[in-house]
Every structure is written in C-alpha cells, then in structure tokens.
Amino acid sequence: MNSTQYQMIFCIVNAGFAQSVMESAKKAGARGGTILRARGTANPEAEEFFNITIQPDKEILLIIVPTEIRDQVMHKIYEDAGLAEESQGIAFSLPVTHAVGLH
C-alpha cells in the first residue's frame, strides 16, 4: 500500500503538445501543472528501440495529483499523448513525501 498522499507525474512530450496533454490530465481529475521547456539528447539506438524519430525540442509537464487518481490521470495521458501519437509522450510518477502549499 502506498503511504504517500500525493504523486508527481512527469510527462515529457514533443514541443507544442504540453497544453493539450494538460487538458487531458484535467479531464481525468488533475487540477493543474507546470510546463517546462527542455531539449532531448536521445541517441539513434533509442530511436530504433522505440521505432520513432525523437525531436530534440521537448516540454515537460509537472503535475501533482492525489495518489488515488494517479493511475486514471496517467492512463488518460497515455491514451491521448503516448508514444504512438504525434506528441510521442512518455510519463512516469514519483511519490511526493514532503510538500507545502497543497490543499
């Protein structure tokens, strides 16, 4: 059983797709998030392994959600922005053990 109250979902997508991914996360219960601009450094082996072309310009969404809705938010992100989509998104979560400012 997970004892943390919140989870941080990290979602990395091609540039230009973060806002639509955030809208998907909100439909699944997320309240909001933070978008960061980034640049990927993938090598040709990663592109071959995933069978995709990796664009260097990325956006990273940071979304804190209650643990009980993490799976539904991640599933919605996967449906709308997974590796098979143009956004070529990947998402993962980590437990938030300490936070302030959350209601």
N, C-alpha and C. Protein backbone atom coordinates (compact mmCIF):
# COMPACT_ATOMS: atom_id res chain seq x y z
N MET A 1 0.84 -1.19 0.00
CA MET A 1 0.00 0.00 0.00
C MET A 1 0.88 1.25 0.00
N ASN A 2 0.52 2.20 -0.81
CA ASN A 2 1.29 3.43 -0.92
C ASN A 2 0.88 4.38 0.21
N SER A 3 1.86 4.85 0.97
CA SER A 3 1.55 5.69 2.12
C SER A 3 1.64 7.18 1.81
N THR A 4 2.01 7.56 0.60
CA THR A 4 2.10 8.98 0.28
C THR A 4 0.76 9.49 -0.21
N GLN A 5 0.46 10.71 0.15
CA GLN A 5 -0.82 11.32 -0.19
C GLN A 5 -0.84 11.86 -1.61
N TYR A 6 0.34 12.26 -2.13
CA TYR A 6 0.42 12.85 -3.46
C TYR A 6 1.48 12.16 -4.30
N GLN A 7 1.29 12.25 -5.62
CA GLN A 7 2.24 11.75 -6.59
C GLN A 7 2.58 12.88 -7.56
N MET A 8 3.83 12.92 -8.00
CA MET A 8 4.24 13.87 -9.03
C MET A 8 4.31 13.09 -10.34
N ILE A 9 3.51 13.52 -11.31
CA ILE A 9 3.55 12.92 -12.64
C ILE A 9 4.43 13.80 -13.52
N PHE A 10 5.41 13.19 -14.12
CA PHE A 10 6.28 13.85 -15.08
C PHE A 10 5.86 13.36 -16.45
N CYS A 11 5.60 14.25 -17.37
CA CYS A 11 5.22 13.88 -18.72
C CYS A 11 6.10 14.66 -19.69
N ILE A 12 6.84 13.95 -20.52
CA ILE A 12 7.74 14.57 -21.49
C ILE A 12 7.14 14.38 -22.87
N VAL A 13 6.91 15.48 -23.58
CA VAL A 13 6.29 15.43 -24.91
C VAL A 13 7.07 16.32 -25.88
N ASN A 14 6.84 16.10 -27.17
CA ASN A 14 7.43 16.99 -28.17
C ASN A 14 6.89 18.40 -27.96
N ALA A 15 7.71 19.38 -28.30
CA ALA A 15 7.33 20.79 -28.14
C ALA A 15 6.01 21.07 -28.86
N GLY A 16 5.16 21.84 -28.19
CA GLY A 16 3.89 22.23 -28.77
C GLY A 16 2.71 21.39 -28.33
N PHE A 17 2.94 20.34 -27.56
CA PHE A 17 1.87 19.44 -27.16
C PHE A 17 1.51 19.51 -25.67
N ALA A 18 2.26 20.23 -24.88
CA ALA A 18 2.06 20.21 -23.43
C ALA A 18 0.66 20.70 -23.04
N GLN A 19 0.18 21.74 -23.67
CA GLN A 19 -1.12 22.28 -23.28
C GLN A 19 -2.24 21.27 -23.53
N SER A 20 -2.21 20.56 -24.65
CA SER A 20 -3.26 19.57 -24.91
C SER A 20 -3.14 18.39 -23.96
N VAL A 21 -1.93 18.02 -23.58
CA VAL A 21 -1.75 16.95 -22.60
C VAL A 21 -2.28 17.40 -21.24
N MET A 22 -2.04 18.66 -20.89
CA MET A 22 -2.55 19.17 -19.62
C MET A 22 -4.07 19.15 -19.60
N GLU A 23 -4.69 19.47 -20.72
CA GLU A 23 -6.15 19.41 -20.81
C GLU A 23 -6.64 17.97 -20.60
N SER A 24 -5.93 17.00 -21.15
CA SER A 24 -6.29 15.60 -20.94
C SER A 24 -6.18 15.22 -19.47
N ALA A 25 -5.09 15.65 -18.83
CA ALA A 25 -4.90 15.35 -17.41
C ALA A 25 -6.01 15.97 -16.57
N LYS A 26 -6.43 17.18 -16.92
CA LYS A 26 -7.52 17.83 -16.19
C LYS A 26 -8.83 17.06 -16.34
N LYS A 27 -9.09 16.51 -17.54
CA LYS A 27 -10.30 15.70 -17.74
C LYS A 27 -10.31 14.48 -16.83
N ALA A 28 -9.11 14.02 -16.45
CA ALA A 28 -9.01 12.84 -15.58
C ALA A 28 -8.92 13.21 -14.10
N GLY A 29 -9.00 14.52 -13.77
CA GLY A 29 -9.05 14.91 -12.37
C GLY A 29 -7.90 15.77 -11.88
N ALA A 30 -6.86 15.96 -12.69
CA ALA A 30 -5.76 16.84 -12.26
C ALA A 30 -6.27 18.28 -12.22
N ARG A 31 -5.71 19.07 -11.33
CA ARG A 31 -6.17 20.46 -11.20
C ARG A 31 -5.31 21.45 -11.97
N GLY A 32 -4.09 21.08 -12.29
CA GLY A 32 -3.19 21.98 -13.00
C GLY A 32 -1.79 21.43 -12.97
N GLY A 33 -0.87 22.17 -13.52
CA GLY A 33 0.51 21.71 -13.56
C GLY A 33 1.43 22.82 -14.00
N THR A 34 2.68 22.46 -14.17
CA THR A 34 3.71 23.39 -14.61
C THR A 34 4.34 22.83 -15.88
N ILE A 35 4.58 23.70 -16.86
CA ILE A 35 5.19 23.29 -18.12
C ILE A 35 6.59 23.90 -18.18
N LEU A 36 7.57 23.04 -18.44
CA LEU A 36 8.95 23.47 -18.61
C LEU A 36 9.40 23.16 -20.03
N ARG A 37 10.21 24.04 -20.60
CA ARG A 37 10.79 23.77 -21.91
C ARG A 37 12.09 22.99 -21.71
N ALA A 38 12.37 22.05 -22.62
CA ALA A 38 13.56 21.22 -22.48
C ALA A 38 14.09 20.82 -23.85
N ARG A 39 15.24 20.21 -23.84
CA ARG A 39 15.85 19.72 -25.08
C ARG A 39 16.32 18.30 -24.83
N GLY A 40 15.86 17.38 -25.68
CA GLY A 40 16.22 15.97 -25.55
C GLY A 40 17.59 15.67 -26.11
N THR A 41 18.18 14.57 -25.63
CA THR A 41 19.52 14.17 -26.09
C THR A 41 19.55 12.70 -26.48
N ALA A 42 18.44 12.18 -26.96
CA ALA A 42 18.36 10.75 -27.29
C ALA A 42 19.35 10.38 -28.39
N ASN A 43 19.78 9.13 -28.34
CA ASN A 43 20.72 8.64 -29.35
C ASN A 43 19.99 7.77 -30.37
N PRO A 44 20.62 7.45 -31.47
CA PRO A 44 19.95 6.65 -32.52
C PRO A 44 19.44 5.29 -32.03
N GLU A 45 20.12 4.69 -31.06
CA GLU A 45 19.66 3.40 -30.53
C GLU A 45 18.29 3.53 -29.86
N ALA A 46 18.06 4.64 -29.15
CA ALA A 46 16.76 4.86 -28.52
C ALA A 46 15.68 5.03 -29.57
N GLU A 47 15.98 5.75 -30.63
CA GLU A 47 15.00 5.93 -31.72
C GLU A 47 14.66 4.60 -32.36
N GLU A 48 15.67 3.75 -32.57
CA GLU A 48 15.43 2.44 -33.16
C GLU A 48 14.64 1.54 -32.22
N PHE A 49 14.98 1.57 -30.92
CA PHE A 49 14.29 0.73 -29.94
C PHE A 49 12.80 1.07 -29.87
N PHE A 50 12.47 2.36 -29.81
CA PHE A 50 11.08 2.78 -29.71
C PHE A 50 10.40 2.90 -31.08
N ASN A 51 11.18 2.77 -32.16
CA ASN A 51 10.67 2.87 -33.52
C ASN A 51 10.01 4.22 -33.78
N ILE A 52 10.67 5.29 -33.33
CA ILE A 52 10.17 6.64 -33.51
C ILE A 52 11.33 7.58 -33.85
N THR A 53 11.02 8.73 -34.39
CA THR A 53 12.01 9.78 -34.58
C THR A 53 11.87 10.73 -33.40
N ILE A 54 12.95 10.95 -32.68
CA ILE A 54 12.88 11.77 -31.48
C ILE A 54 13.24 13.21 -31.83
N GLN A 55 12.30 14.12 -31.58
CA GLN A 55 12.51 15.54 -31.82
C GLN A 55 13.28 16.11 -30.63
N PRO A 56 14.27 16.97 -30.87
CA PRO A 56 15.07 17.47 -29.75
C PRO A 56 14.33 18.44 -28.83
N ASP A 57 13.39 19.25 -29.35
CA ASP A 57 12.70 20.22 -28.50
C ASP A 57 11.55 19.54 -27.78
N LYS A 58 11.53 19.66 -26.46
CA LYS A 58 10.56 18.96 -25.61
C LYS A 58 9.88 19.95 -24.67
N GLU A 59 8.79 19.48 -24.09
CA GLU A 59 8.14 20.17 -22.98
C GLU A 59 7.92 19.12 -21.90
N ILE A 60 8.13 19.53 -20.66
CA ILE A 60 7.94 18.64 -19.52
C ILE A 60 6.82 19.19 -18.67
N LEU A 61 5.82 18.36 -18.41
CA LEU A 61 4.74 18.74 -17.51
C LEU A 61 5.01 18.15 -16.14
N LEU A 62 4.85 18.96 -15.12
CA LEU A 62 4.94 18.51 -13.74
C LEU A 62 3.55 18.65 -13.14
N ILE A 63 2.95 17.53 -12.76
CA ILE A 63 1.58 17.55 -12.28
C ILE A 63 1.52 16.80 -10.95
N ILE A 64 1.14 17.49 -9.89
CA ILE A 64 0.96 16.84 -8.59
C ILE A 64 -0.51 16.47 -8.45
N VAL A 65 -0.76 15.20 -8.16
CA VAL A 65 -2.13 14.71 -8.00
C VAL A 65 -2.23 13.87 -6.75
N PRO A 66 -3.43 13.77 -6.17
CA PRO A 66 -3.63 12.83 -5.08
C PRO A 66 -3.34 11.41 -5.57
N THR A 67 -2.74 10.61 -4.73
CA THR A 67 -2.35 9.25 -5.11
C THR A 67 -3.52 8.47 -5.69
N GLU A 68 -4.73 8.66 -5.16
CA GLU A 68 -5.86 7.85 -5.61
C GLU A 68 -6.29 8.13 -7.05
N ILE A 69 -5.87 9.25 -7.67
CA ILE A 69 -6.23 9.49 -9.07
C ILE A 69 -5.04 9.39 -10.02
N ARG A 70 -3.88 9.07 -9.49
CA ARG A 70 -2.68 8.99 -10.34
C ARG A 70 -2.88 8.08 -11.55
N ASP A 71 -3.37 6.86 -11.32
CA ASP A 71 -3.50 5.90 -12.42
C ASP A 71 -4.45 6.39 -13.50
N GLN A 72 -5.57 6.98 -13.13
CA GLN A 72 -6.51 7.45 -14.15
C GLN A 72 -5.93 8.63 -14.92
N VAL A 73 -5.18 9.51 -14.27
CA VAL A 73 -4.55 10.64 -14.97
C VAL A 73 -3.49 10.12 -15.94
N MET A 74 -2.66 9.20 -15.47
CA MET A 74 -1.61 8.66 -16.34
C MET A 74 -2.21 7.88 -17.51
N HIS A 75 -3.28 7.16 -17.28
CA HIS A 75 -3.92 6.41 -18.36
C HIS A 75 -4.48 7.36 -19.42
N LYS A 76 -5.09 8.45 -18.99
CA LYS A 76 -5.63 9.43 -19.93
C LYS A 76 -4.50 10.08 -20.74
N ILE A 77 -3.41 10.40 -20.08
CA ILE A 77 -2.25 10.95 -20.79
C ILE A 77 -1.74 9.94 -21.81
N TYR A 78 -1.64 8.69 -21.41
CA TYR A 78 -1.18 7.63 -22.32
C TYR A 78 -2.11 7.51 -23.53
N GLU A 79 -3.41 7.54 -23.30
CA GLU A 79 -4.37 7.44 -24.41
C GLU A 79 -4.22 8.59 -25.40
N ASP A 80 -4.04 9.80 -24.87
CA ASP A 80 -4.05 11.00 -25.72
C ASP A 80 -2.68 11.41 -26.24
N ALA A 81 -1.60 10.99 -25.58
CA ALA A 81 -0.28 11.52 -25.94
C ALA A 81 0.84 10.50 -25.85
N GLY A 82 0.52 9.23 -25.92
CA GLY A 82 1.54 8.19 -25.80
C GLY A 82 2.51 8.17 -26.96
N LEU A 83 3.46 7.24 -26.91
CA LEU A 83 4.49 7.14 -27.94
C LEU A 83 3.93 6.95 -29.34
N ALA A 84 2.73 6.37 -29.46
CA ALA A 84 2.13 6.15 -30.77
C ALA A 84 1.52 7.42 -31.36
N GLU A 85 1.39 8.47 -30.56
CA GLU A 85 0.79 9.73 -31.02
C GLU A 85 1.89 10.69 -31.49
N GLU A 86 1.47 11.76 -32.15
CA GLU A 86 2.42 12.74 -32.67
C GLU A 86 3.24 13.41 -31.56
N SER A 87 2.65 13.53 -30.40
CA SER A 87 3.35 14.15 -29.27
C SER A 87 4.46 13.26 -28.73
N GLN A 88 4.37 11.96 -29.00
CA GLN A 88 5.36 10.97 -28.57
C GLN A 88 5.70 11.11 -27.09
N GLY A 89 4.66 11.16 -26.27
CA GLY A 89 4.85 11.40 -24.85
C GLY A 89 5.24 10.16 -24.06
N ILE A 90 5.94 10.41 -23.00
CA ILE A 90 6.27 9.39 -22.02
C ILE A 90 5.97 9.99 -20.65
N ALA A 91 5.42 9.18 -19.76
CA ALA A 91 5.06 9.69 -18.43
C ALA A 91 5.51 8.70 -17.37
N PHE A 92 5.85 9.24 -16.21
CA PHE A 92 6.18 8.42 -15.06
C PHE A 92 5.82 9.21 -13.81
N SER A 93 5.73 8.53 -12.70
CA SER A 93 5.38 9.23 -11.46
C SER A 93 6.34 8.85 -10.35
N LEU A 94 6.44 9.75 -9.40
CA LEU A 94 7.23 9.53 -8.19
C LEU A 94 6.42 10.00 -7.00
N PRO A 95 6.58 9.35 -5.86
CA PRO A 95 5.84 9.79 -4.68
C PRO A 95 6.37 11.13 -4.17
N VAL A 96 5.45 11.94 -3.69
CA VAL A 96 5.80 13.21 -3.05
C VAL A 96 5.73 12.96 -1.55
N THR A 97 6.88 13.01 -0.91
CA THR A 97 6.92 12.69 0.52
C THR A 97 6.77 13.93 1.40
N HIS A 98 7.14 15.09 0.87
CA HIS A 98 7.02 16.34 1.63
C HIS A 98 6.61 17.45 0.69
N ALA A 99 5.60 18.22 1.07
CA ALA A 99 5.15 19.34 0.25
C ALA A 99 4.47 20.37 1.15
N VAL A 100 4.50 21.61 0.73
CA VAL A 100 3.77 22.68 1.39
C VAL A 100 2.94 23.40 0.35
N GLY A 101 1.87 24.02 0.76
CA GLY A 101 1.06 24.79 -0.14
C GLY A 101 -0.01 24.00 -0.85
N LEU A 102 -0.21 22.74 -0.51
CA LEU A 102 -1.25 21.93 -1.13
C LEU A 102 -2.47 21.89 -0.23
N HIS A 103 -3.65 21.95 -0.83
CA HIS A 103 -4.89 21.88 -0.06
C HIS A 103 -5.60 20.61 -0.36
